[in-house]
Amino acid sequence: HPIKTMRLIVDGRPWKGIQEVRKFEDQNGEVEASWQIELQPGAHQLVVLADSAVSRGLSSVVEVASSSL
């Protein structure tokens, strides 16, 4: 089943709610999405949540460390 939406999850919470959901119409095969975000200093976990018409899946967790400049 094709991916319909993707959203970025930062530290267990959706990044900027529904305004940052990436939507795909009639996409067969692989889809890609990207986000440019600013993080507070410290360690963070990023995950992408993907939905199809019948299922939901999570990407692997990516851990990043942000420092203040």
C-alpha atoms as a PDB file:
ATOM      1  CA  HIS A   1       0.000   0.000   0.000  1.00  0.00           C
ATOM      2  CA  PRO A   2       1.435   3.394  -0.953  1.00  0.00           C
ATOM      3  CA  ILE A   3       2.590   5.869   1.677  1.00  0.00           C
ATOM      4  CA  LYS A   4       0.008   8.649   2.115  1.00  0.00           C
ATOM      5  CA  THR A   5       1.667  10.820   4.794  1.00  0.00           C
ATOM      6  CA  MET A   6       4.932  11.228   6.687  1.00  0.00           C
ATOM      7  CA  ARG A   7       5.637  13.282   9.765  1.00  0.00           C
ATOM      8  CA  LEU A   8       8.754  13.990  11.800  1.00  0.00           C
ATOM      9  CA  ILE A   9       8.718  13.016  15.465  1.00  0.00           C
ATOM     10  CA  VAL A  10      11.232  14.874  17.666  1.00  0.00           C
ATOM     11  CA  ASP A  11      11.763  13.545  21.183  1.00  0.00           C
ATOM     12  CA  GLY A  12       8.456  11.661  21.035  1.00  0.00           C
ATOM     13  CA  ARG A  13       6.346  14.587  19.809  1.00  0.00           C
ATOM     14  CA  PRO A  14       5.190  15.562  16.301  1.00  0.00           C
ATOM     15  CA  TRP A  15       7.293  18.415  14.917  1.00  0.00           C
ATOM     16  CA  LYS A  16       4.983  21.463  14.571  1.00  0.00           C
ATOM     17  CA  GLY A  17       1.827  19.357  14.552  1.00  0.00           C
ATOM     18  CA  ILE A  18      -0.191  18.881  11.367  1.00  0.00           C
ATOM     19  CA  GLN A  19       1.339  21.824   9.509  1.00  0.00           C
ATOM     20  CA  GLU A  20       4.524  19.813   8.959  1.00  0.00           C
ATOM     21  CA  VAL A  21       2.885  16.616   7.645  1.00  0.00           C
ATOM     22  CA  ARG A  22       4.181  15.635   4.200  1.00  0.00           C
ATOM     23  CA  LYS A  23       1.376  14.307   1.969  1.00  0.00           C
ATOM     24  CA  PHE A  24       1.738  12.071  -1.073  1.00  0.00           C
ATOM     25  CA  GLU A  25      -0.919  11.454  -3.705  1.00  0.00           C
ATOM     26  CA  ASP A  26      -0.880   8.318  -5.846  1.00  0.00           C
ATOM     27  CA  GLN A  27       2.811   7.580  -5.214  1.00  0.00           C
ATOM     28  CA  ASN A  28       3.821   4.014  -5.968  1.00  0.00           C
ATOM     29  CA  GLY A  29       7.197   2.776  -4.747  1.00  0.00           C
ATOM     30  CA  GLU A  30       9.653   4.754  -2.673  1.00  0.00           C
ATOM     31  CA  VAL A  31       8.877   8.247  -1.355  1.00  0.00           C
ATOM     32  CA  GLU A  32      11.136  10.814   0.312  1.00  0.00           C
ATOM     33  CA  ALA A  33      10.550  13.765   2.610  1.00  0.00           C
ATOM     34  CA  SER A  34      12.851  16.251   4.302  1.00  0.00           C
ATOM     35  CA  TRP A  35      12.598  18.772   7.105  1.00  0.00           C
ATOM     36  CA  GLN A  36      14.873  21.636   8.137  1.00  0.00           C
ATOM     37  CA  ILE A  37      14.601  22.160  11.875  1.00  0.00           C
ATOM     38  CA  GLU A  38      16.366  23.996  14.666  1.00  0.00           C
ATOM     39  CA  LEU A  39      16.962  22.087  17.876  1.00  0.00           C
ATOM     40  CA  GLN A  40      17.656  23.307  21.383  1.00  0.00           C
ATOM     41  CA  PRO A  41      21.121  22.377  22.687  1.00  0.00           C
ATOM     42  CA  GLY A  42      21.337  18.798  23.936  1.00  0.00           C
ATOM     43  CA  ALA A  43      20.592  15.257  22.789  1.00  0.00           C
ATOM     44  CA  HIS A  44      17.526  14.537  20.649  1.00  0.00           C
ATOM     45  CA  GLN A  45      15.849  11.552  19.023  1.00  0.00           C
ATOM     46  CA  LEU A  46      14.331  11.845  15.546  1.00  0.00           C
ATOM     47  CA  VAL A  47      11.910   9.368  13.976  1.00  0.00           C
ATOM     48  CA  VAL A  48       9.709   9.507  10.875  1.00  0.00           C
ATOM     49  CA  LEU A  49       6.158   8.177  11.115  1.00  0.00           C
ATOM     50  CA  ALA A  50       4.713   6.957   7.796  1.00  0.00           C
ATOM     51  CA  ASP A  51       1.047   6.143   7.177  1.00  0.00           C
ATOM     52  CA  SER A  52      -0.632   4.260   4.362  1.00  0.00           C
ATOM     53  CA  ALA A  53      -4.364   3.667   3.969  1.00  0.00           C
ATOM     54  CA  VAL A  54      -4.107   0.514   6.092  1.00  0.00           C
ATOM     55  CA  SER A  55      -0.971   0.710   8.236  1.00  0.00           C
ATOM     56  CA  ARG A  56       1.541   2.857  10.106  1.00  0.00           C
ATOM     57  CA  GLY A  57       5.286   2.442  10.468  1.00  0.00           C
ATOM     58  CA  LEU A  58       8.225   4.121  12.186  1.00  0.00           C
ATOM     59  CA  SER A  59      11.730   4.627  10.872  1.00  0.00           C
ATOM     60  CA  SER A  60      14.773   3.732  12.896  1.00  0.00           C
ATOM     61  CA  VAL A  61      15.617   6.248  15.620  1.00  0.00           C
ATOM     62  CA  VAL A  62      18.319   8.767  14.756  1.00  0.00           C
ATOM     63  CA  GLU A  63      20.071  10.316  17.741  1.00  0.00           C
ATOM     64  CA  VAL A  64      21.609  13.764  17.303  1.00  0.00           C
ATOM     65  CA  ALA A  65      23.436  16.123  19.626  1.00  0.00           C
ATOM     66  CA  SER A  66      22.965  19.854  19.207  1.00  0.00           C
ATOM     67  CA  SER A  67      25.264  22.430  20.759  1.00  0.00           C
ATOM     68  CA  SER A  68      24.895  26.164  21.230  1.00  0.00           C
ATOM     69  CA  LEU A  69      27.173  28.379  19.161  1.00  0.00           C
END
